[in-house]
Full PDB file with SEQRES, HELIX, SHEET, SSBOND, CRYST1, ORIGX, SCALE, CONECT and MASTER records, all heavy atoms in Angstrom:
SEQRES   1 A   34  ALA THR LEU TYR VAL THR LEU GLU PRO CYS ALA HIS ASP          
SEQRES   2 A   34  GLY ARG THR PRO PRO CYS THR ARG ALA VAL ILE SER ALA          
SEQRES   3 A   34  GLY VAL ARG ARG CYS VAL VAL GLY                              
HELIX    1 AA1 CYS A   19  ALA A   26  1                                   8    
SHEET    1 AA1 2 THR A   2  VAL A   5  0                                        
SHEET    2 AA1 2 ARG A  30  VAL A  33  1                                        
CRYST1    1.000    1.000    1.000  90.00  90.00  90.00 P 1           1          
ORIGX1      1.000000  0.000000  0.000000        0.00000                         
ORIGX2      0.000000  1.000000  0.000000        0.00000                         
ORIGX3      0.000000  0.000000  1.000000        0.00000                         
SCALE1      1.000000  0.000000  0.000000        0.00000                         
SCALE2      0.000000  1.000000  0.000000        0.00000                         
SCALE3      0.000000  0.000000  1.000000        0.00000                         
ATOM      1  N   ALA A   1     160.950 115.814 114.396  1.00  0.00           N  
ATOM      2  CA  ALA A   1     160.163 117.020 114.119  1.00  0.00           C  
ATOM      3  C   ALA A   1     158.672 116.766 114.337  1.00  0.00           C  
ATOM      4  O   ALA A   1     158.227 115.638 114.543  1.00  0.00           O  
ATOM      5  CB  ALA A   1     160.417 117.490 112.687  1.00  0.00           C  
ATOM      6  N   THR A   2     157.902 117.853 114.298  1.00  0.00           N  
ATOM      7  CA  THR A   2     156.442 117.786 114.340  1.00  0.00           C  
ATOM      8  C   THR A   2     155.900 118.087 112.953  1.00  0.00           C  
ATOM      9  O   THR A   2     156.304 119.076 112.327  1.00  0.00           O  
ATOM     10  CB  THR A   2     155.879 118.791 115.357  1.00  0.00           C  
ATOM     11  OG1 THR A   2     156.314 118.433 116.668  1.00  0.00           O  
ATOM     12  CG2 THR A   2     154.353 118.795 115.326  1.00  0.00           C  
ATOM     13  N   LEU A   3     155.009 117.237 112.481  1.00  0.00           N  
ATOM     14  CA  LEU A   3     154.385 117.432 111.187  1.00  0.00           C  
ATOM     15  C   LEU A   3     152.989 118.017 111.371  1.00  0.00           C  
ATOM     16  O   LEU A   3     152.160 117.448 112.082  1.00  0.00           O  
ATOM     17  CB  LEU A   3     154.275 116.097 110.436  1.00  0.00           C  
ATOM     18  CG  LEU A   3     153.453 116.110 109.142  1.00  0.00           C  
ATOM     19  CD1 LEU A   3     154.123 116.968 108.076  1.00  0.00           C  
ATOM     20  CD2 LEU A   3     153.240 114.682 108.623  1.00  0.00           C  
ATOM     21  N   TYR A   4     152.746 119.157 110.747  1.00  0.00           N  
ATOM     22  CA  TYR A   4     151.414 119.768 110.729  1.00  0.00           C  
ATOM     23  C   TYR A   4     150.818 119.501 109.348  1.00  0.00           C  
ATOM     24  O   TYR A   4     151.384 119.913 108.324  1.00  0.00           O  
ATOM     25  CB  TYR A   4     151.494 121.279 110.975  1.00  0.00           C  
ATOM     26  CG  TYR A   4     151.972 121.616 112.370  1.00  0.00           C  
ATOM     27  CD1 TYR A   4     153.337 121.731 112.652  1.00  0.00           C  
ATOM     28  CD2 TYR A   4     151.061 121.807 113.408  1.00  0.00           C  
ATOM     29  CE1 TYR A   4     153.780 122.027 113.934  1.00  0.00           C  
ATOM     30  CE2 TYR A   4     151.494 122.099 114.689  1.00  0.00           C  
ATOM     31  CZ  TYR A   4     152.850 122.196 114.941  1.00  0.00           C  
ATOM     32  OH  TYR A   4     153.296 122.488 116.218  1.00  0.00           O  
ATOM     33  N   VAL A   5     149.698 118.805 109.317  1.00  0.00           N  
ATOM     34  CA  VAL A   5     149.078 118.462 108.042  1.00  0.00           C  
ATOM     35  C   VAL A   5     147.578 118.698 108.143  1.00  0.00           C  
ATOM     36  O   VAL A   5     146.943 118.382 109.149  1.00  0.00           O  
ATOM     37  CB  VAL A   5     149.408 117.004 107.646  1.00  0.00           C  
ATOM     38  CG1 VAL A   5     148.888 116.008 108.677  1.00  0.00           C  
ATOM     39  CG2 VAL A   5     148.880 116.667 106.265  1.00  0.00           C  
ATOM     40  N   THR A   6     147.010 119.295 107.123  1.00  0.00           N  
ATOM     41  CA  THR A   6     145.614 119.735 107.185  1.00  0.00           C  
ATOM     42  C   THR A   6     144.621 118.576 107.166  1.00  0.00           C  
ATOM     43  O   THR A   6     143.496 118.722 107.616  1.00  0.00           O  
ATOM     44  CB  THR A   6     145.309 120.691 106.025  1.00  0.00           C  
ATOM     45  OG1 THR A   6     145.612 120.040 104.782  1.00  0.00           O  
ATOM     46  CG2 THR A   6     146.162 121.956 106.142  1.00  0.00           C  
ATOM     47  N   LEU A   7     145.039 117.424 106.621  1.00  0.00           N  
ATOM     48  CA  LEU A   7     144.167 116.250 106.528  1.00  0.00           C  
ATOM     49  C   LEU A   7     144.941 115.011 106.958  1.00  0.00           C  
ATOM     50  O   LEU A   7     146.149 114.915 106.720  1.00  0.00           O  
ATOM     51  CB  LEU A   7     143.666 116.075 105.089  1.00  0.00           C  
ATOM     52  CG  LEU A   7     142.685 114.927 104.823  1.00  0.00           C  
ATOM     53  CD1 LEU A   7     141.347 115.187 105.502  1.00  0.00           C  
ATOM     54  CD2 LEU A   7     142.480 114.742 103.314  1.00  0.00           C  
ATOM     55  N   GLU A   8     144.242 114.090 107.578  1.00  0.00           N  
ATOM     56  CA  GLU A   8     144.843 112.828 108.024  1.00  0.00           C  
ATOM     57  C   GLU A   8     145.686 112.185 106.920  1.00  0.00           C  
ATOM     58  O   GLU A   8     145.228 112.009 105.791  1.00  0.00           O  
ATOM     59  CB  GLU A   8     143.723 111.866 108.421  1.00  0.00           C  
ATOM     60  CG  GLU A   8     144.184 110.463 108.749  1.00  0.00           C  
ATOM     61  CD  GLU A   8     143.017 109.515 108.994  1.00  0.00           C  
ATOM     62  OE1 GLU A   8     141.851 109.944 108.855  1.00  0.00           O  
ATOM     63  OE2 GLU A   8     143.278 108.348 109.356  1.00  0.00           O  
ATOM     64  N   PRO A   9     146.927 111.804 107.203  1.00  0.00           N  
ATOM     65  CA  PRO A   9     147.770 111.141 106.194  1.00  0.00           C  
ATOM     66  C   PRO A   9     147.165 109.806 105.755  1.00  0.00           C  
ATOM     67  O   PRO A   9     146.570 109.084 106.555  1.00  0.00           O  
ATOM     68  CB  PRO A   9     149.100 110.930 106.926  1.00  0.00           C  
ATOM     69  CG  PRO A   9     149.107 111.962 108.011  1.00  0.00           C  
ATOM     70  CD  PRO A   9     147.679 112.089 108.435  1.00  0.00           C  
ATOM     71  N   CYS A  10     147.325 109.498 104.477  1.00  0.00           N  
ATOM     72  CA  CYS A  10     146.775 108.250 103.948  1.00  0.00           C  
ATOM     73  C   CYS A  10     147.646 107.064 104.366  1.00  0.00           C  
ATOM     74  O   CYS A  10     148.848 107.207 104.605  1.00  0.00           O  
ATOM     75  CB  CYS A  10     146.670 108.315 102.428  1.00  0.00           C  
ATOM     76  SG  CYS A  10     148.259 108.459 101.580  1.00  0.00           S  
ATOM     77  N   ALA A  11     147.010 105.894 104.438  1.00  0.00           N  
ATOM     78  CA  ALA A  11     147.723 104.679 104.854  1.00  0.00           C  
ATOM     79  C   ALA A  11     147.571 103.573 103.818  1.00  0.00           C  
ATOM     80  O   ALA A  11     147.769 102.398 104.123  1.00  0.00           O  
ATOM     81  CB  ALA A  11     147.197 104.207 106.212  1.00  0.00           C  
ATOM     82  N   HIS A  12     147.228 103.921 102.586  1.00  0.00           N  
ATOM     83  CA  HIS A  12     146.992 102.921 101.554  1.00  0.00           C  
ATOM     84  C   HIS A  12     147.848 103.221 100.336  1.00  0.00           C  
ATOM     85  O   HIS A  12     148.277 104.346 100.101  1.00  0.00           O  
ATOM     86  CB  HIS A  12     145.513 102.916 101.148  1.00  0.00           C  
ATOM     87  CG  HIS A  12     145.065 104.218 100.544  1.00  0.00           C  
ATOM     88  ND1 HIS A  12     144.757 105.321 101.315  1.00  0.00           N  
ATOM     89  CD2 HIS A  12     144.894 104.603  99.254  1.00  0.00           C  
ATOM     90  CE1 HIS A  12     144.407 106.317 100.531  1.00  0.00           C  
ATOM     91  NE2 HIS A  12     144.489 105.907  99.273  1.00  0.00           N  
ATOM     92  N   ASP A  13     148.091 102.184  99.551  1.00  0.00           N  
ATOM     93  CA  ASP A  13     148.796 102.344  98.284  1.00  0.00           C  
ATOM     94  C   ASP A  13     147.809 102.776  97.214  1.00  0.00           C  
ATOM     95  O   ASP A  13     146.759 102.148  97.016  1.00  0.00           O  
ATOM     96  CB  ASP A  13     149.448 101.020  97.873  1.00  0.00           C  
ATOM     97  CG  ASP A  13     150.732 100.743  98.639  1.00  0.00           C  
ATOM     98  OD1 ASP A  13     151.717 101.461  98.390  1.00  0.00           O  
ATOM     99  OD2 ASP A  13     150.733  99.824  99.481  1.00  0.00           O  
ATOM    100  N   GLY A  14     148.153 103.853  96.520  1.00  0.00           N  
ATOM    101  CA  GLY A  14     147.353 104.322  95.396  1.00  0.00           C  
ATOM    102  C   GLY A  14     148.290 104.677  94.264  1.00  0.00           C  
ATOM    103  O   GLY A  14     149.208 103.920  93.941  1.00  0.00           O  
ATOM    104  N   ARG A  15     148.077 105.839  93.668  1.00  0.00           N  
ATOM    105  CA  ARG A  15     148.999 106.305  92.628  1.00  0.00           C  
ATOM    106  C   ARG A  15     150.320 106.740  93.231  1.00  0.00           C  
ATOM    107  O   ARG A  15     151.320 106.882  92.523  1.00  0.00           O  
ATOM    108  CB  ARG A  15     148.350 107.455  91.842  1.00  0.00           C  
ATOM    109  CG  ARG A  15     147.111 107.007  91.077  1.00  0.00           C  
ATOM    110  CD  ARG A  15     146.287 108.159  90.553  1.00  0.00           C  
ATOM    111  NE  ARG A  15     146.932 108.848  89.454  1.00  0.00           N  
ATOM    112  CZ  ARG A  15     146.384 109.859  88.768  1.00  0.00           C  
ATOM    113  NH1 ARG A  15     145.149 110.255  89.093  1.00  0.00           N  
ATOM    114  NH2 ARG A  15     147.016 110.443  87.781  1.00  0.00           N  
ATOM    115  N   THR A  16     150.318 106.979  94.542  1.00  0.00           N  
ATOM    116  CA  THR A  16     151.536 107.288  95.295  1.00  0.00           C  
ATOM    117  C   THR A  16     151.570 106.401  96.543  1.00  0.00           C  
ATOM    118  O   THR A  16     150.532 105.904  96.980  1.00  0.00           O  
ATOM    119  CB  THR A  16     151.565 108.771  95.717  1.00  0.00           C  
ATOM    120  OG1 THR A  16     150.397 109.056  96.498  1.00  0.00           O  
ATOM    121  CG2 THR A  16     151.576 109.688  94.492  1.00  0.00           C  
ATOM    122  N   PRO A  17     152.758 106.191  97.142  1.00  0.00           N  
ATOM    123  CA  PRO A  17     152.848 105.330  98.333  1.00  0.00           C  
ATOM    124  C   PRO A  17     152.146 105.955  99.536  1.00  0.00           C  
ATOM    125  O   PRO A  17     151.861 107.163  99.556  1.00  0.00           O  
ATOM    126  CB  PRO A  17     154.372 105.238  98.571  1.00  0.00           C  
ATOM    127  CG  PRO A  17     155.012 105.705  97.311  1.00  0.00           C  
ATOM    128  CD  PRO A  17     154.067 106.677  96.692  1.00  0.00           C  
ATOM    129  N   PRO A  18     151.869 105.155 100.575  1.00  0.00           N  
ATOM    130  CA  PRO A  18     151.212 105.673 101.777  1.00  0.00           C  
ATOM    131  C   PRO A  18     152.049 106.747 102.463  1.00  0.00           C  
ATOM    132  O   PRO A  18     153.267 106.565 102.658  1.00  0.00           O  
ATOM    133  CB  PRO A  18     151.060 104.445 102.673  1.00  0.00           C  
ATOM    134  CG  PRO A  18     151.231 103.278 101.766  1.00  0.00           C  
ATOM    135  CD  PRO A  18     152.135 103.716 100.668  1.00  0.00           C  
ATOM    136  N   CYS A  19     151.418 107.835 102.840  1.00  0.00           N  
ATOM    137  CA  CYS A  19     152.134 108.907 103.532  1.00  0.00           C  
ATOM    138  C   CYS A  19     152.537 108.473 104.945  1.00  0.00           C  
ATOM    139  O   CYS A  19     153.559 108.915 105.460  1.00  0.00           O  
ATOM    140  CB  CYS A  19     151.275 110.159 103.588  1.00  0.00           C  
ATOM    141  SG  CYS A  19     151.076 110.955 101.980  1.00  0.00           S  
ATOM    142  N   THR A  20     151.743 107.629 105.580  1.00  0.00           N  
ATOM    143  CA  THR A  20     152.069 107.172 106.938  1.00  0.00           C  
ATOM    144  C   THR A  20     153.421 106.475 106.963  1.00  0.00           C  
ATOM    145  O   THR A  20     154.214 106.667 107.887  1.00  0.00           O  
ATOM    146  CB  THR A  20     150.986 106.223 107.460  1.00  0.00           C  
ATOM    147  OG1 THR A  20     150.739 105.207 106.476  1.00  0.00           O  
ATOM    148  CG2 THR A  20     149.707 106.967 107.749  1.00  0.00           C  
ATOM    149  N   ARG A  21     153.676 105.653 105.941  1.00  0.00           N  
ATOM    150  CA  ARG A  21     154.946 104.931 105.877  1.00  0.00           C  
ATOM    151  C   ARG A  21     156.122 105.906 105.801  1.00  0.00           C  
ATOM    152  O   ARG A  21     157.148 105.729 106.471  1.00  0.00           O  
ATOM    153  CB  ARG A  21     154.956 104.000 104.658  1.00  0.00           C  
ATOM    154  CG  ARG A  21     156.149 103.057 104.575  1.00  0.00           C  
ATOM    155  CD  ARG A  21     156.129 102.315 103.262  1.00  0.00           C  
ATOM    156  NE  ARG A  21     154.871 101.605 103.063  1.00  0.00           N  
ATOM    157  CZ  ARG A  21     154.475 101.149 101.877  1.00  0.00           C  
ATOM    158  NH1 ARG A  21     155.219 101.351 100.791  1.00  0.00           N  
ATOM    159  NH2 ARG A  21     153.329 100.503 101.777  1.00  0.00           N  
ATOM    160  N   ALA A  22     155.952 106.962 104.981  1.00  0.00           N  
ATOM    161  CA  ALA A  22     157.025 107.945 104.844  1.00  0.00           C  
ATOM    162  C   ALA A  22     157.235 108.730 106.133  1.00  0.00           C  
ATOM    163  O   ALA A  22     158.377 109.013 106.522  1.00  0.00           O  
ATOM    164  CB  ALA A  22     156.697 108.903 103.695  1.00  0.00           C  
ATOM    165  N   VAL A  23     156.143 109.068 106.821  1.00  0.00           N  
ATOM    166  CA  VAL A  23     156.239 109.822 108.077  1.00  0.00           C  
ATOM    167  C   VAL A  23     156.959 108.997 109.136  1.00  0.00           C  
ATOM    168  O   VAL A  23     157.854 109.498 109.848  1.00  0.00           O  
ATOM    169  CB  VAL A  23     154.829 110.225 108.561  1.00  0.00           C  
ATOM    170  CG1 VAL A  23     154.884 110.821 109.970  1.00  0.00           C  
ATOM    171  CG2 VAL A  23     154.203 111.226 107.593  1.00  0.00           C  
ATOM    172  N   ILE A  24     156.606 107.734 109.243  1.00  0.00           N  
ATOM    173  CA  ILE A  24     157.230 106.853 110.246  1.00  0.00           C  
ATOM    174  C   ILE A  24     158.709 106.639 109.922  1.00  0.00           C  
ATOM    175  O   ILE A  24     159.580 106.734 110.804  1.00  0.00           O  
ATOM    176  CB  ILE A  24     156.476 105.513 110.301  1.00  0.00           C  
ATOM    177  CG1 ILE A  24     155.057 105.740 110.844  1.00  0.00           C  
ATOM    178  CG2 ILE A  24     157.228 104.507 111.175  1.00  0.00           C  
ATOM    179  CD1 ILE A  24     154.125 104.560 110.621  1.00  0.00           C  
ATOM    180  N   SER A  25     159.018 106.376 108.652  1.00  0.00           N  
ATOM    181  CA  SER A  25     160.404 106.132 108.251  1.00  0.00           C  
ATOM    182  C   SER A  25     161.284 107.353 108.468  1.00  0.00           C  
ATOM    183  O   SER A  25     162.486 107.210 108.756  1.00  0.00           O  
ATOM    184  CB  SER A  25     160.454 105.722 106.773  1.00  0.00           C  
ATOM    185  OG  SER A  25     159.737 104.532 106.545  1.00  0.00           O  
ATOM    186  N   ALA A  26     160.709 108.538 108.341  1.00  0.00           N  
ATOM    187  CA  ALA A  26     161.497 109.764 108.509  1.00  0.00           C  
ATOM    188  C   ALA A  26     161.787 110.078 109.971  1.00  0.00           C  
ATOM    189  O   ALA A  26     162.592 110.971 110.264  1.00  0.00           O  
ATOM    190  CB  ALA A  26     160.758 110.943 107.872  1.00  0.00           C  
ATOM    191  N   GLY A  27     161.120 109.378 110.896  1.00  0.00           N  
ATOM    192  CA  GLY A  27     161.373 109.616 112.313  1.00  0.00           C  
ATOM    193  C   GLY A  27     160.629 110.801 112.893  1.00  0.00           C  
ATOM    194  O   GLY A  27     161.048 111.368 113.904  1.00  0.00           O  
ATOM    195  N   VAL A  28     159.508 111.160 112.282  1.00  0.00           N  
ATOM    196  CA  VAL A  28     158.700 112.260 112.821  1.00  0.00           C  
ATOM    197  C   VAL A  28     158.179 111.869 114.201  1.00  0.00           C  
ATOM    198  O   VAL A  28     157.701 110.758 114.410  1.00  0.00           O  
ATOM    199  CB  VAL A  28     157.527 112.583 111.866  1.00  0.00           C  
ATOM    200  CG1 VAL A  28     156.547 113.549 112.512  1.00  0.00           C  
ATOM    201  CG2 VAL A  28     158.066 113.155 110.549  1.00  0.00           C  
ATOM    202  N   ARG A  29     158.311 112.788 115.157  1.00  0.00           N  
ATOM    203  CA  ARG A  29     157.952 112.493 116.543  1.00  0.00           C  
ATOM    204  C   ARG A  29     156.468 112.725 116.814  1.00  0.00           C  
ATOM    205  O   ARG A  29     155.846 111.974 117.569  1.00  0.00           O  
ATOM    206  CB  ARG A  29     158.796 113.374 117.477  1.00  0.00           C  
ATOM    207  CG  ARG A  29     158.473 113.224 118.967  1.00  0.00           C  
ATOM    208  CD  ARG A  29     159.359 114.152 119.797  1.00  0.00           C  
ATOM    209  NE  ARG A  29     159.153 115.539 119.424  1.00  0.00           N  
ATOM    210  CZ  ARG A  29     158.200 116.314 119.934  1.00  0.00           C  
ATOM    211  NH1 ARG A  29     157.343 115.828 120.823  1.00  0.00           N  
ATOM    212  NH2 ARG A  29     158.091 117.568 119.548  1.00  0.00           N  
ATOM    213  N   ARG A  30     155.899 113.767 116.196  1.00  0.00           N  
ATOM    214  CA  ARG A  30     154.516 114.143 116.482  1.00  0.00           C  
ATOM    215  C   ARG A  30     153.844 114.578 115.197  1.00  0.00           C  
ATOM    216  O   ARG A  30     154.477 115.185 114.320  1.00  0.00           O  
ATOM    217  CB  ARG A  30     154.496 115.284 117.510  1.00  0.00           C  
ATOM    218  CG  ARG A  30     153.106 115.819 117.883  1.00  0.00           C  
ATOM    219  CD  ARG A  30     153.208 116.850 118.998  1.00  0.00           C  
ATOM    220  NE  ARG A  30     151.918 117.458 119.302  1.00  0.00           N  
ATOM    221  CZ  ARG A  30     151.636 118.757 119.170  1.00  0.00           C  
ATOM    222  NH1 ARG A  30     152.577 119.604 118.764  1.00  0.00           N  
ATOM    223  NH2 ARG A  30     150.439 119.220 119.458  1.00  0.00           N  
ATOM    224  N   CYS A  31     152.557 114.279 115.077  1.00  0.00           N  
ATOM    225  CA  CYS A  31     151.782 114.672 113.900  1.00  0.00           C  
ATOM    226  C   CYS A  31     150.524 115.395 114.364  1.00  0.00           C  
ATOM    227  O   CYS A  31     149.727 114.840 115.128  1.00  0.00           O  
ATOM    228  CB  CYS A  31     151.425 113.452 113.060  1.00  0.00           C  
ATOM    229  SG  CYS A  31     150.547 113.838 111.525  1.00  0.00           S  
ATOM    230  N   VAL A  32     150.353 116.624 113.916  1.00  0.00           N  
ATOM    231  CA  VAL A  32     149.176 117.425 114.245  1.00  0.00           C  
ATOM    232  C   VAL A  32     148.303 117.481 112.996  1.00  0.00           C  
ATOM    233  O   VAL A  32     148.729 117.954 111.944  1.00  0.00           O  
ATOM    234  CB  VAL A  32     149.573 118.847 114.697  1.00  0.00           C  
ATOM    235  CG1 VAL A  32     148.327 119.656 115.042  1.00  0.00           C  
ATOM    236  CG2 VAL A  32     150.522 118.786 115.881  1.00  0.00           C  
ATOM    237  N   VAL A  33     147.084 116.970 113.116  1.00  0.00           N  
ATOM    238  CA  VAL A  33     146.172 116.813 111.981  1.00  0.00           C  
ATOM    239  C   VAL A  33     145.015 117.794 112.105  1.00  0.00           C  
ATOM    240  O   VAL A  33     144.397 117.905 113.171  1.00  0.00           O  
ATOM    241  CB  VAL A  33     145.632 115.363 111.925  1.00  0.00           C  
ATOM    242  CG1 VAL A  33     144.612 115.214 110.807  1.00  0.00           C  
ATOM    243  CG2 VAL A  33     146.780 114.378 111.752  1.00  0.00           C  
ATOM    244  N   GLY A  34     144.715 118.473 111.007  1.00  0.00           N  
ATOM    245  CA  GLY A  34     143.584 119.394 111.019  1.00  0.00           C  
ATOM    246  C   GLY A  34     142.256 118.668 111.161  1.00  0.00           C  
ATOM    247  O   GLY A  34     141.465 118.966 112.052  1.00  0.00           O  
TER     248      GLY A  34                                                      
MASTER        0    0    0    1    2    0    0    6  247    1    0    3          
END                                                                             
């Protein structure tokens, strides 16, 4: 799928895991960033 997200996904561990890791693991093909 294509992910449309208004802000660049985070790539660091904080109070929640990195969004980049979840996007890659889910097999998203394309990411459109606002």
